[in-house]
């Protein structure tokens, strides 16, 4: 058993509040008395664990009083097993590539270095983790790190924000006071769900379109999760709306083998018909993103209903063909 695994077990037993006897540790860890003494000394001397010997009971225990007044001895990652630390290293690599430009990387890097030190030769080299696990972000827009940090700080501290927002639908720039509710990572990009005090309504703001951020010394209003989901999560994709309608799509048997395994919406309903075609029903409020996803599967998809959604898809196809003919 590697030393870091033994330290993990020692910390677990000691933290239970009992006195752990020498005989128990020698038997469970399957080590010599000299090795056990070295492990105890490392916890006490290198990691400041307040371990004391009880001669009457013949074992070690944690001095709780000393733990509250003495040096901090709880080190991040020390009490994880080797398998758990390997999982953390892998998660860090995934997060660093999934957060639209490595927003979390600088903050996780110190923990990464500490984990490698604790694991020693048992850890996979960082370069090997990066080589063995590849994450491709498609369509991710760059986010300004100080703005992202300010949004996160205000979100957790429950403070209002004044943001300068560059809208894309009308290409205008507005200044708004908002009460942040949650940050959402969706399709490789970040969005801020917030109550807009200007519009007096819930809005979803693309974080990369926020040009300036200023935190106010005013408490933000809190919106219940149910109301957030009803206003911003009931429709399809990032486009919100309370006027929810349902769409019916049918895919060819060949395309169905792929689409049947995909989640387009948390409340979707799907089934195969007698000919092996996938019938997908899903809600939407604003058709824009749904139309884009349908177009990705043309000509292996047809819109069964509603007719206005089918008309939107046909209009996009006709307009696209017209541009190709120009």
C-alpha atoms as a PDB file:
ATOM      1  CA  UNK A   1       0.000   0.000   0.000  1.00  0.00           C
ATOM      2  CA  UNK A   2       1.402   3.395  -1.013  1.00  0.00           C
ATOM      3  CA  UNK A   3       2.119   5.940   1.719  1.00  0.00           C
ATOM      4  CA  UNK A   4      -0.509   8.452   0.568  1.00  0.00           C
ATOM      5  CA  UNK A   5      -3.136   5.689   0.825  1.00  0.00           C
ATOM      6  CA  UNK A   6      -1.948   4.827   4.331  1.00  0.00           C
ATOM      7  CA  UNK A   7      -2.120   8.500   5.333  1.00  0.00           C
ATOM      8  CA  UNK A   8      -5.636   8.663   3.976  1.00  0.00           C
ATOM      9  CA  UNK A   9      -6.695   5.700   6.112  1.00  0.00           C
ATOM     10  CA  UNK A  10      -4.899   7.043   9.183  1.00  0.00           C
ATOM     11  CA  UNK A  11      -6.627  10.397   8.838  1.00  0.00           C
ATOM     12  CA  UNK A  12      -9.992   8.704   8.417  1.00  0.00           C
ATOM     13  CA  UNK A  13      -9.589   6.583  11.544  1.00  0.00           C
ATOM     14  CA  UNK A  14      -8.204   9.404  13.660  1.00  0.00           C
ATOM     15  CA  UNK A  15     -10.903  11.822  12.561  1.00  0.00           C
ATOM     16  CA  UNK A  16     -13.563   9.448  13.908  1.00  0.00           C
ATOM     17  CA  UNK A  17     -12.676  10.696  17.399  1.00  0.00           C
ATOM     18  CA  UNK A  18     -11.511   7.379  18.786  1.00  0.00           C
ATOM     19  CA  UNK A  19      -8.148   6.242  20.026  1.00  0.00           C
ATOM     20  CA  UNK A  20      -6.598   4.021  17.357  1.00  0.00           C
ATOM     21  CA  UNK A  21      -4.421   1.300  18.849  1.00  0.00           C
ATOM     22  CA  UNK A  22      -1.026   0.269  17.570  1.00  0.00           C
ATOM     23  CA  UNK A  23      -2.122  -3.346  17.070  1.00  0.00           C
ATOM     24  CA  UNK A  24      -5.138  -2.268  14.988  1.00  0.00           C
ATOM     25  CA  UNK A  25      -3.016  -0.078  12.715  1.00  0.00           C
ATOM     26  CA  UNK A  26      -0.301  -2.670  12.218  1.00  0.00           C
ATOM     27  CA  UNK A  27      -2.897  -5.273  11.284  1.00  0.00           C
ATOM     28  CA  UNK A  28      -5.027  -3.074   8.988  1.00  0.00           C
ATOM     29  CA  UNK A  29      -2.164  -1.302   7.222  1.00  0.00           C
ATOM     30  CA  UNK A  30       0.030  -4.411   7.007  1.00  0.00           C
ATOM     31  CA  UNK A  31       3.214  -2.474   7.752  1.00  0.00           C
ATOM     32  CA  UNK A  32       6.085  -2.761  10.210  1.00  0.00           C
ATOM     33  CA  UNK A  33       6.163  -0.825  13.461  1.00  0.00           C
ATOM     34  CA  UNK A  34       8.954   1.383  12.058  1.00  0.00           C
ATOM     35  CA  UNK A  35       6.874   2.273   8.975  1.00  0.00           C
ATOM     36  CA  UNK A  36       3.862   3.069  11.154  1.00  0.00           C
ATOM     37  CA  UNK A  37       5.979   5.383  13.313  1.00  0.00           C
ATOM     38  CA  UNK A  38       7.226   7.195  10.202  1.00  0.00           C
ATOM     39  CA  UNK A  39       3.673   7.689   8.929  1.00  0.00           C
ATOM     40  CA  UNK A  40       2.517   9.077  12.269  1.00  0.00           C
ATOM     41  CA  UNK A  41       5.569  11.362  12.387  1.00  0.00           C
ATOM     42  CA  UNK A  42       4.845  12.660   8.881  1.00  0.00           C
ATOM     43  CA  UNK A  43       1.272  13.529   9.787  1.00  0.00           C
ATOM     44  CA  UNK A  44       2.394  15.235  12.979  1.00  0.00           C
ATOM     45  CA  UNK A  45       5.554  17.015  11.826  1.00  0.00           C
ATOM     46  CA  UNK A  46       5.012  17.728   8.119  1.00  0.00           C
ATOM     47  CA  UNK A  47       1.246  18.303   8.088  1.00  0.00           C
ATOM     48  CA  UNK A  48       0.794  19.667  11.635  1.00  0.00           C
ATOM     49  CA  UNK A  49      -1.797  17.050  12.594  1.00  0.00           C
ATOM     50  CA  UNK A  50      -2.289  17.276  16.422  1.00  0.00           C
ATOM     51  CA  UNK A  51      -1.754  13.556  17.038  1.00  0.00           C
ATOM     52  CA  UNK A  52      -0.986  12.471  20.604  1.00  0.00           C
ATOM     53  CA  UNK A  53      -0.154   9.120  22.205  1.00  0.00           C
ATOM     54  CA  UNK A  54      -2.365   7.657  24.947  1.00  0.00           C
ATOM     55  CA  UNK A  55      -0.219   5.278  26.982  1.00  0.00           C
ATOM     56  CA  UNK A  56      -3.143   3.830  28.931  1.00  0.00           C
ATOM     57  CA  UNK A  57      -5.074   2.798  25.828  1.00  0.00           C
ATOM     58  CA  UNK A  58      -2.000   2.068  23.735  1.00  0.00           C
ATOM     59  CA  UNK A  59      -2.963   4.165  20.759  1.00  0.00           C
ATOM     60  CA  UNK A  60      -3.062   7.563  19.028  1.00  0.00           C
ATOM     61  CA  UNK A  61      -5.812  10.163  18.957  1.00  0.00           C
ATOM     62  CA  UNK A  62      -6.407  13.699  17.663  1.00  0.00           C
ATOM     63  CA  UNK A  63      -6.215  16.482  20.243  1.00  0.00           C
ATOM     64  CA  UNK A  64      -9.361  18.398  19.283  1.00  0.00           C
ATOM     65  CA  UNK A  65      -8.501  21.400  21.443  1.00  0.00           C
ATOM     66  CA  UNK A  66      -5.122  21.796  19.804  1.00  0.00           C
ATOM     67  CA  UNK A  67      -6.705  21.374  16.381  1.00  0.00           C
ATOM     68  CA  UNK A  68      -8.836  24.486  16.926  1.00  0.00           C
ATOM     69  CA  UNK A  69      -6.043  26.744  18.227  1.00  0.00           C
ATOM     70  CA  UNK A  70      -2.909  25.356  16.594  1.00  0.00           C
ATOM     71  CA  UNK A  71      -1.642  25.473  13.008  1.00  0.00           C
ATOM     72  CA  UNK A  72      -4.025  24.432  10.267  1.00  0.00           C
ATOM     73  CA  UNK A  73      -3.430  20.794   9.393  1.00  0.00           C
ATOM     74  CA  UNK A  74      -6.223  20.064   6.905  1.00  0.00           C
ATOM     75  CA  UNK A  75      -4.519  20.205   3.512  1.00  0.00           C
ATOM     76  CA  UNK A  76      -6.562  20.190   0.277  1.00  0.00           C
ATOM     77  CA  UNK A  77      -6.390  16.801  -1.333  1.00  0.00           C
ATOM     78  CA  UNK A  78      -4.309  15.090   1.345  1.00  0.00           C
ATOM     79  CA  UNK A  79      -7.238  13.032   2.546  1.00  0.00           C
ATOM     80  CA  UNK A  80      -8.289  11.834  -0.872  1.00  0.00           C
ATOM     81  CA  UNK A  81      -7.336   8.360  -2.003  1.00  0.00           C
ATOM     82  CA  UNK A  82      -5.074   7.914  -5.016  1.00  0.00           C
ATOM     83  CA  UNK A  83      -8.056   7.025  -7.218  1.00  0.00           C
ATOM     84  CA  UNK A  84      -9.937  10.135  -6.097  1.00  0.00           C
ATOM     85  CA  UNK A  85      -6.953  12.387  -6.794  1.00  0.00           C
ATOM     86  CA  UNK A  86      -6.526  10.892 -10.249  1.00  0.00           C
ATOM     87  CA  UNK A  87     -10.213  11.653 -10.855  1.00  0.00           C
ATOM     88  CA  UNK A  88      -9.671  15.246  -9.684  1.00  0.00           C
ATOM     89  CA  UNK A  89      -6.758  15.678 -12.060  1.00  0.00           C
ATOM     90  CA  UNK A  90      -8.901  14.452 -14.931  1.00  0.00           C
ATOM     91  CA  UNK A  91     -11.798  16.724 -13.922  1.00  0.00           C
ATOM     92  CA  UNK A  92      -9.443  19.714 -13.775  1.00  0.00           C
ATOM     93  CA  UNK A  93      -8.283  19.021 -17.299  1.00  0.00           C
ATOM     94  CA  UNK A  94     -11.874  18.771 -18.522  1.00  0.00           C
ATOM     95  CA  UNK A  95     -12.928  21.963 -16.733  1.00  0.00           C
ATOM     96  CA  UNK A  96      -9.956  23.915 -18.022  1.00  0.00           C
ATOM     97  CA  UNK A  97     -11.012  23.128 -21.585  1.00  0.00           C
ATOM     98  CA  UNK A  98     -14.765  23.396 -21.127  1.00  0.00           C
ATOM     99  CA  UNK A  99     -14.917  26.853 -19.565  1.00  0.00           C
ATOM    100  CA  UNK A 100     -14.540  28.973 -22.695  1.00  0.00           C
ATOM    101  CA  UNK A 101     -10.924  29.999 -22.526  1.00  0.00           C
ATOM    102  CA  UNK A 102      -9.629  28.434 -19.318  1.00  0.00           C
ATOM    103  CA  UNK A 103     -11.409  30.723 -16.853  1.00  0.00           C
ATOM    104  CA  UNK A 104     -10.986  28.237 -14.027  1.00  0.00           C
ATOM    105  CA  UNK A 105      -7.446  27.201 -14.926  1.00  0.00           C
ATOM    106  CA  UNK A 106      -5.521  29.911 -13.007  1.00  0.00           C
ATOM    107  CA  UNK A 107      -7.551  29.221  -9.860  1.00  0.00           C
ATOM    108  CA  UNK A 108      -7.216  25.435 -10.009  1.00  0.00           C
ATOM    109  CA  UNK A 109      -3.516  25.442 -10.933  1.00  0.00           C
ATOM    110  CA  UNK A 110      -2.256  25.767  -7.313  1.00  0.00           C
ATOM    111  CA  UNK A 111      -4.409  22.802  -6.287  1.00  0.00           C
ATOM    112  CA  UNK A 112      -3.124  20.865  -9.288  1.00  0.00           C
ATOM    113  CA  UNK A 113       0.473  21.457  -8.250  1.00  0.00           C
ATOM    114  CA  UNK A 114      -0.298  20.430  -4.671  1.00  0.00           C
ATOM    115  CA  UNK A 115      -2.008  17.262  -5.807  1.00  0.00           C
ATOM    116  CA  UNK A 116       1.000  16.318  -7.897  1.00  0.00           C
ATOM    117  CA  UNK A 117       3.304  16.896  -4.926  1.00  0.00           C
ATOM    118  CA  UNK A 118       1.176  14.734  -2.675  1.00  0.00           C
ATOM    119  CA  UNK A 119       0.924  11.941  -5.216  1.00  0.00           C
ATOM    120  CA  UNK A 120       4.581  12.020  -6.155  1.00  0.00           C
ATOM    121  CA  UNK A 121       5.456   9.439  -8.753  1.00  0.00           C
ATOM    122  CA  UNK A 122       1.977   7.940  -8.554  1.00  0.00           C
ATOM    123  CA  UNK A 123       0.366  10.803 -10.440  1.00  0.00           C
ATOM    124  CA  UNK A 124       0.036  10.891 -14.214  1.00  0.00           C
ATOM    125  CA  UNK A 125       2.159  13.708 -15.680  1.00  0.00           C
ATOM    126  CA  UNK A 126       0.122  16.750 -16.655  1.00  0.00           C
ATOM    127  CA  UNK A 127       1.301  16.425 -20.246  1.00  0.00           C
ATOM    128  CA  UNK A 128       0.086  12.815 -20.305  1.00  0.00           C
ATOM    129  CA  UNK A 129      -3.359  13.800 -19.014  1.00  0.00           C
ATOM    130  CA  UNK A 130      -3.602  16.447 -21.741  1.00  0.00           C
ATOM    131  CA  UNK A 131      -2.450  13.967 -24.399  1.00  0.00           C
ATOM    132  CA  UNK A 132      -4.796  11.151 -23.362  1.00  0.00           C
ATOM    133  CA  UNK A 133      -7.919  13.289 -22.899  1.00  0.00           C
ATOM    134  CA  UNK A 134      -8.961  15.671 -25.640  1.00  0.00           C
ATOM    135  CA  UNK A 135     -11.888  18.103 -25.318  1.00  0.00           C
ATOM    136  CA  UNK A 136     -12.975  20.031 -28.404  1.00  0.00           C
ATOM    137  CA  UNK A 137     -14.984  23.232 -27.885  1.00  0.00           C
ATOM    138  CA  UNK A 138     -16.840  24.314 -31.005  1.00  0.00           C
ATOM    139  CA  UNK A 139     -18.352  27.774 -31.218  1.00  0.00           C
ATOM    140  CA  UNK A 140     -17.045  28.925 -27.833  1.00  0.00           C
ATOM    141  CA  UNK A 141     -16.824  32.712 -27.559  1.00  0.00           C
ATOM    142  CA  UNK A 142     -14.039  34.336 -25.564  1.00  0.00           C
ATOM    143  CA  UNK A 143     -15.020  35.719 -22.152  1.00  0.00           C
ATOM    144  CA  UNK A 144     -13.164  38.555 -20.419  1.00  0.00           C
ATOM    145  CA  UNK A 145     -11.864  37.006 -17.178  1.00  0.00           C
ATOM    146  CA  UNK A 146     -12.254  40.092 -14.879  1.00  0.00           C
ATOM    147  CA  UNK A 147     -15.878  40.431 -16.003  1.00  0.00           C
ATOM    148  CA  UNK A 148     -16.530  36.761 -15.332  1.00  0.00           C
ATOM    149  CA  UNK A 149     -14.959  37.040 -11.877  1.00  0.00           C
ATOM    150  CA  UNK A 150     -17.031  40.120 -11.053  1.00  0.00           C
ATOM    151  CA  UNK A 151     -20.223  38.362 -12.133  1.00  0.00           C
ATOM    152  CA  UNK A 152     -19.386  35.317 -10.031  1.00  0.00           C
ATOM    153  CA  UNK A 153     -18.526  37.442  -7.002  1.00  0.00           C
ATOM    154  CA  UNK A 154     -21.757  39.438  -7.183  1.00  0.00           C
ATOM    155  CA  UNK A 155     -23.743  36.263  -7.770  1.00  0.00           C
ATOM    156  CA  UNK A 156     -22.420  34.584  -4.615  1.00  0.00           C
ATOM    157  CA  UNK A 157     -22.442  37.751  -2.497  1.00  0.00           C
ATOM    158  CA  UNK A 158     -26.001  38.509  -3.682  1.00  0.00           C
ATOM    159  CA  UNK A 159     -25.203  42.035  -4.871  1.00  0.00           C
ATOM    160  CA  UNK A 160     -26.693  43.952  -7.785  1.00  0.00           C
ATOM    161  CA  UNK A 161     -24.699  44.772 -10.875  1.00  0.00           C
ATOM    162  CA  UNK A 162     -24.624  47.537 -13.438  1.00  0.00           C
ATOM    163  CA  UNK A 163     -23.646  46.035 -16.769  1.00  0.00           C
ATOM    164  CA  UNK A 164     -22.996  47.531 -20.164  1.00  0.00           C
ATOM    165  CA  UNK A 165     -24.469  45.023 -22.585  1.00  0.00           C
ATOM    166  CA  UNK A 166     -23.956  44.788 -26.334  1.00  0.00           C
ATOM    167  CA  UNK A 167     -27.077  43.203 -27.781  1.00  0.00           C
ATOM    168  CA  UNK A 168     -26.666  41.129 -30.918  1.00  0.00           C
ATOM    169  CA  UNK A 169     -30.224  40.972 -32.211  1.00  0.00           C
ATOM    170  CA  UNK A 170     -30.407  44.776 -32.675  1.00  0.00           C
ATOM    171  CA  UNK A 171     -26.667  45.590 -32.508  1.00  0.00           C
ATOM    172  CA  UNK A 172     -27.243  48.150 -29.751  1.00  0.00           C
ATOM    173  CA  UNK A 173     -25.520  48.812 -26.410  1.00  0.00           C
ATOM    174  CA  UNK A 174     -27.444  49.465 -23.204  1.00  0.00           C
ATOM    175  CA  UNK A 175     -26.609  49.967 -19.535  1.00  0.00           C
ATOM    176  CA  UNK A 176     -28.722  47.965 -17.125  1.00  0.00           C
ATOM    177  CA  UNK A 177     -29.017  47.323 -13.415  1.00  0.00           C
ATOM    178  CA  UNK A 178     -29.540  43.612 -12.795  1.00  0.00           C
ATOM    179  CA  UNK A 179     -29.929  41.185  -9.904  1.00  0.00           C
ATOM    180  CA  UNK A 180     -27.872  38.097 -10.843  1.00  0.00           C
ATOM    181  CA  UNK A 181     -29.569  34.748 -10.242  1.00  0.00           C
ATOM    182  CA  UNK A 182     -27.315  32.083 -11.782  1.00  0.00           C
ATOM    183  CA  UNK A 183     -24.536  31.456 -14.306  1.00  0.00           C
ATOM    184  CA  UNK A 184     -25.297  28.888 -16.993  1.00  0.00           C
ATOM    185  CA  UNK A 185     -22.752  27.100 -19.197  1.00  0.00           C
ATOM    186  CA  UNK A 186     -24.600  26.105 -22.352  1.00  0.00           C
ATOM    187  CA  UNK A 187     -23.146  24.844 -25.627  1.00  0.00           C
ATOM    188  CA  UNK A 188     -19.609  25.980 -24.776  1.00  0.00           C
ATOM    189  CA  UNK A 189     -20.676  29.492 -23.756  1.00  0.00           C
ATOM    190  CA  UNK A 190     -21.617  31.280 -20.523  1.00  0.00           C
ATOM    191  CA  UNK A 191     -24.892  33.067 -19.828  1.00  0.00           C
ATOM    192  CA  UNK A 192     -26.067  35.135 -16.852  1.00  0.00           C
ATOM    193  CA  UNK A 193     -29.673  34.665 -15.805  1.00  0.00           C
ATOM    194  CA  UNK A 194     -30.725  37.851 -14.008  1.00  0.00           C
ATOM    195  CA  UNK A 195     -33.627  40.084 -13.088  1.00  0.00           C
ATOM    196  CA  UNK A 196     -33.376  43.196 -15.239  1.00  0.00           C
ATOM    197  CA  UNK A 197     -34.557  46.212 -13.233  1.00  0.00           C
ATOM    198  CA  UNK A 198     -34.837  48.222 -16.450  1.00  0.00           C
ATOM    199  CA  UNK A 199     -37.137  45.735 -18.184  1.00  0.00           C
ATOM    200  CA  UNK A 200     -38.710  44.559 -14.906  1.00  0.00           C
ATOM    201  CA  UNK A 201     -38.377  40.995 -16.115  1.00  0.00           C
ATOM    202  CA  UNK A 202     -36.051  38.012 -16.142  1.00  0.00           C
ATOM    203  CA  UNK A 203     -33.448  38.034 -18.888  1.00  0.00           C
ATOM    204  CA  UNK A 204     -30.559  35.833 -20.005  1.00  0.00           C
ATOM    205  CA  UNK A 205     -27.384  37.752 -20.924  1.00  0.00           C
ATOM    206  CA  UNK A 206     -24.520  36.303 -22.963  1.00  0.00           C
ATOM    207  CA  UNK A 207     -21.469  36.870 -20.760  1.00  0.00           C
ATOM    208  CA  UNK A 208     -19.149  37.498 -23.703  1.00  0.00           C
ATOM    209  CA  UNK A 209     -21.398  40.410 -24.770  1.00  0.00           C
ATOM    210  CA  UNK A 210     -20.994  42.187 -21.403  1.00  0.00           C
ATOM    211  CA  UNK A 211     -18.529  45.030 -21.963  1.00  0.00           C
ATOM    212  CA  UNK A 212     -18.438  46.568 -18.462  1.00  0.00           C
ATOM    213  CA  UNK A 213     -19.355  45.343 -14.983  1.00  0.00           C
ATOM    214  CA  UNK A 214     -19.767  47.323 -11.775  1.00  0.00           C
ATOM    215  CA  UNK A 215     -20.921  45.811  -8.501  1.00  0.00           C
ATOM    216  CA  UNK A 216     -23.320  47.861  -6.384  1.00  0.00           C
ATOM    217  CA  UNK A 217     -23.553  47.923  -2.604  1.00  0.00           C
ATOM    218  CA  UNK A 218     -27.202  46.947  -2.846  1.00  0.00           C
ATOM    219  CA  UNK A 219     -28.725  43.547  -2.175  1.00  0.00           C
ATOM    220  CA  UNK A 220     -30.180  41.862  -5.220  1.00  0.00           C
ATOM    221  CA  UNK A 221     -33.665  40.447  -5.301  1.00  0.00           C
ATOM    222  CA  UNK A 222     -33.995  36.664  -5.291  1.00  0.00           C
ATOM    223  CA  UNK A 223     -36.187  34.790  -7.744  1.00  0.00           C
ATOM    224  CA  UNK A 224     -37.425  31.317  -6.849  1.00  0.00           C
ATOM    225  CA  UNK A 225     -35.927  28.447  -8.853  1.00  0.00           C
ATOM    226  CA  UNK A 226     -39.357  27.448 -10.100  1.00  0.00           C
ATOM    227  CA  UNK A 227     -40.000  30.895 -11.519  1.00  0.00           C
ATOM    228  CA  UNK A 228     -36.545  30.959 -13.124  1.00  0.00           C
ATOM    229  CA  UNK A 229     -37.141  27.632 -14.810  1.00  0.00           C
ATOM    230  CA  UNK A 230     -40.616  28.633 -15.932  1.00  0.00           C
ATOM    231  CA  UNK A 231     -39.427  31.890 -17.490  1.00  0.00           C
ATOM    232  CA  UNK A 232     -35.987  30.905 -18.794  1.00  0.00           C
ATOM    233  CA  UNK A 233     -35.918  27.135 -18.926  1.00  0.00           C
ATOM    234  CA  UNK A 234     -39.324  26.183 -20.282  1.00  0.00           C
ATOM    235  CA  UNK A 235     -38.575  27.035 -23.899  1.00  0.00           C
ATOM    236  CA  UNK A 236     -36.018  25.513 -26.212  1.00  0.00           C
ATOM    237  CA  UNK A 237     -32.331  26.255 -25.711  1.00  0.00           C
ATOM    238  CA  UNK A 238     -31.153  29.663 -24.584  1.00  0.00           C
ATOM    239  CA  UNK A 239     -34.153  31.548 -25.973  1.00  0.00           C
ATOM    240  CA  UNK A 240     -36.644  32.085 -23.165  1.00  0.00           C
ATOM    241  CA  UNK A 241     -40.353  32.694 -23.106  1.00  0.00           C
ATOM    242  CA  UNK A 242     -43.474  31.693 -21.214  1.00  0.00           C
ATOM    243  CA  UNK A 243     -45.591  31.092 -24.339  1.00  0.00           C
ATOM    244  CA  UNK A 244     -44.513  27.477 -24.786  1.00  0.00           C
ATOM    245  CA  UNK A 245     -45.634  25.411 -27.748  1.00  0.00           C
ATOM    246  CA  UNK A 246     -44.825  21.846 -28.728  1.00  0.00           C
ATOM    247  CA  UNK A 247     -43.170  20.642 -31.910  1.00  0.00           C
ATOM    248  CA  UNK A 248     -43.210  17.222 -33.537  1.00  0.00           C
ATOM    249  CA  UNK A 249     -40.237  16.012 -35.600  1.00  0.00           C
ATOM    250  CA  UNK A 250     -39.695  12.775 -37.508  1.00  0.00           C
ATOM    251  CA  UNK A 251     -36.278  11.476 -38.535  1.00  0.00           C
ATOM    252  CA  UNK A 252     -35.330   8.873 -41.111  1.00  0.00           C
ATOM    253  CA  UNK A 253     -34.376   5.414 -39.782  1.00  0.00           C
ATOM    254  CA  UNK A 254     -30.695   6.064 -40.616  1.00  0.00           C
ATOM    255  CA  UNK A 255     -30.576   9.383 -38.735  1.00  0.00           C
ATOM    256  CA  UNK A 256     -32.746   8.017 -35.930  1.00  0.00           C
ATOM    257  CA  UNK A 257     -29.956   5.742 -34.797  1.00  0.00           C
ATOM    258  CA  UNK A 258     -28.059   8.902 -33.799  1.00  0.00           C
ATOM    259  CA  UNK A 259     -30.809  11.292 -32.747  1.00  0.00           C
ATOM    260  CA  UNK A 260     -32.624   8.810 -30.499  1.00  0.00           C
ATOM    261  CA  UNK A 261     -29.662   8.957 -28.098  1.00  0.00           C
ATOM    262  CA  UNK A 262     -29.570  12.770 -27.982  1.00  0.00           C
ATOM    263  CA  UNK A 263     -31.207  15.077 -25.457  1.00  0.00           C
ATOM    264  CA  UNK A 264     -32.649  18.122 -27.169  1.00  0.00           C
ATOM    265  CA  UNK A 265     -34.766  19.225 -24.202  1.00  0.00           C
ATOM    266  CA  UNK A 266     -35.177  17.893 -20.623  1.00  0.00           C
ATOM    267  CA  UNK A 267     -38.931  17.423 -21.172  1.00  0.00           C
ATOM    268  CA  UNK A 268     -38.756  15.860 -24.617  1.00  0.00           C
ATOM    269  CA  UNK A 269     -40.750  12.759 -25.545  1.00  0.00           C
ATOM    270  CA  UNK A 270     -39.588  10.281 -28.148  1.00  0.00           C
ATOM    271  CA  UNK A 271     -40.451   6.900 -29.614  1.00  0.00           C
ATOM    272  CA  UNK A 272     -39.804   4.741 -32.664  1.00  0.00           C
ATOM    273  CA  UNK A 273     -42.611   4.081 -35.113  1.00  0.00           C
ATOM    274  CA  UNK A 274     -43.203   0.808 -36.936  1.00  0.00           C
ATOM    275  CA  UNK A 275     -40.780   1.820 -39.712  1.00  0.00           C
ATOM    276  CA  UNK A 276     -37.906   2.602 -37.356  1.00  0.00           C
ATOM    277  CA  UNK A 277     -38.289   6.371 -37.582  1.00  0.00           C
ATOM    278  CA  UNK A 278     -37.679   8.430 -34.436  1.00  0.00           C
ATOM    279  CA  UNK A 279     -40.622  10.645 -33.478  1.00  0.00           C
ATOM    280  CA  UNK A 280     -39.501  13.501 -31.243  1.00  0.00           C
ATOM    281  CA  UNK A 281     -41.814  15.883 -29.390  1.00  0.00           C
ATOM    282  CA  UNK A 282     -40.375  18.858 -27.506  1.00  0.00           C
ATOM    283  CA  UNK A 283     -41.423  22.275 -26.180  1.00  0.00           C
ATOM    284  CA  UNK A 284     -40.167  25.612 -27.453  1.00  0.00           C
ATOM    285  CA  UNK A 285     -41.006  29.273 -26.935  1.00  0.00           C
ATOM    286  CA  UNK A 286     -38.782  30.972 -29.497  1.00  0.00           C
ATOM    287  CA  UNK A 287     -38.196  28.990 -32.725  1.00  0.00           C
ATOM    288  CA  UNK A 288     -34.760  30.401 -33.638  1.00  0.00           C
ATOM    289  CA  UNK A 289     -32.500  27.854 -31.993  1.00  0.00           C
ATOM    290  CA  UNK A 290     -34.822  24.949 -32.735  1.00  0.00           C
ATOM    291  CA  UNK A 291     -34.845  25.902 -36.427  1.00  0.00           C
ATOM    292  CA  UNK A 292     -31.036  25.899 -36.465  1.00  0.00           C
ATOM    293  CA  UNK A 293     -30.935  22.407 -34.937  1.00  0.00           C
ATOM    294  CA  UNK A 294     -33.525  21.102 -37.387  1.00  0.00           C
ATOM    295  CA  UNK A 295     -31.534  22.463 -40.341  1.00  0.00           C
ATOM    296  CA  UNK A 296     -28.512  20.444 -39.216  1.00  0.00           C
ATOM    297  CA  UNK A 297     -30.429  17.265 -40.028  1.00  0.00           C
ATOM    298  CA  UNK A 298     -31.962  18.250 -43.361  1.00  0.00           C
ATOM    299  CA  UNK A 299     -32.993  16.286 -45.427  1.00  0.00           C
ATOM    300  CA  UNK A 300     -33.272  13.427 -42.890  1.00  0.00           C
ATOM    301  CA  UNK A 301     -35.865  15.262 -40.780  1.00  0.00           C
ATOM    302  CA  UNK A 302     -39.381  16.609 -41.310  1.00  0.00           C
ATOM    303  CA  UNK A 303     -41.455  18.929 -39.135  1.00  0.00           C
ATOM    304  CA  UNK A 304     -44.792  17.285 -38.394  1.00  0.00           C
ATOM    305  CA  UNK A 305     -46.216  20.215 -36.449  1.00  0.00           C
ATOM    306  CA  UNK A 306     -46.836  23.108 -35.969  1.00  0.00           C
ATOM    307  CA  UNK A 307     -47.134  24.460 -39.482  1.00  0.00           C
ATOM    308  CA  UNK A 308     -45.556  27.821 -38.541  1.00  0.00           C
ATOM    309  CA  UNK A 309     -42.377  26.030 -37.437  1.00  0.00           C
ATOM    310  CA  UNK A 310     -42.285  24.083 -40.709  1.00  0.00           C
ATOM    311  CA  UNK A 311     -42.743  27.388 -42.546  1.00  0.00           C
ATOM    312  CA  UNK A 312     -39.792  28.915 -40.682  1.00  0.00           C
ATOM    313  CA  UNK A 313     -37.579  25.969 -41.700  1.00  0.00           C
ATOM    314  CA  UNK A 314     -38.694  26.196 -45.343  1.00  0.00           C
ATOM    315  CA  UNK A 315     -38.067  29.947 -45.383  1.00  0.00           C
ATOM    316  CA  UNK A 316     -34.495  29.451 -44.134  1.00  0.00           C
ATOM    317  CA  UNK A 317     -33.857  26.767 -46.741  1.00  0.00           C
ATOM    318  CA  UNK A 318     -35.223  28.915 -49.571  1.00  0.00           C
ATOM    319  CA  UNK A 319     -33.210  31.919 -48.438  1.00  0.00           C
ATOM    320  CA  UNK A 320     -30.068  29.807 -48.231  1.00  0.00           C
ATOM    321  CA  UNK A 321     -30.560  28.369 -51.718  1.00  0.00           C
ATOM    322  CA  UNK A 322     -31.138  31.886 -53.010  1.00  0.00           C
ATOM    323  CA  UNK A 323     -27.831  33.062 -51.627  1.00  0.00           C
ATOM    324  CA  UNK A 324     -26.024  30.107 -53.216  1.00  0.00           C
ATOM    325  CA  UNK A 325     -27.544  31.000 -56.598  1.00  0.00           C
ATOM    326  CA  UNK A 326     -26.441  34.637 -56.416  1.00  0.00           C
END
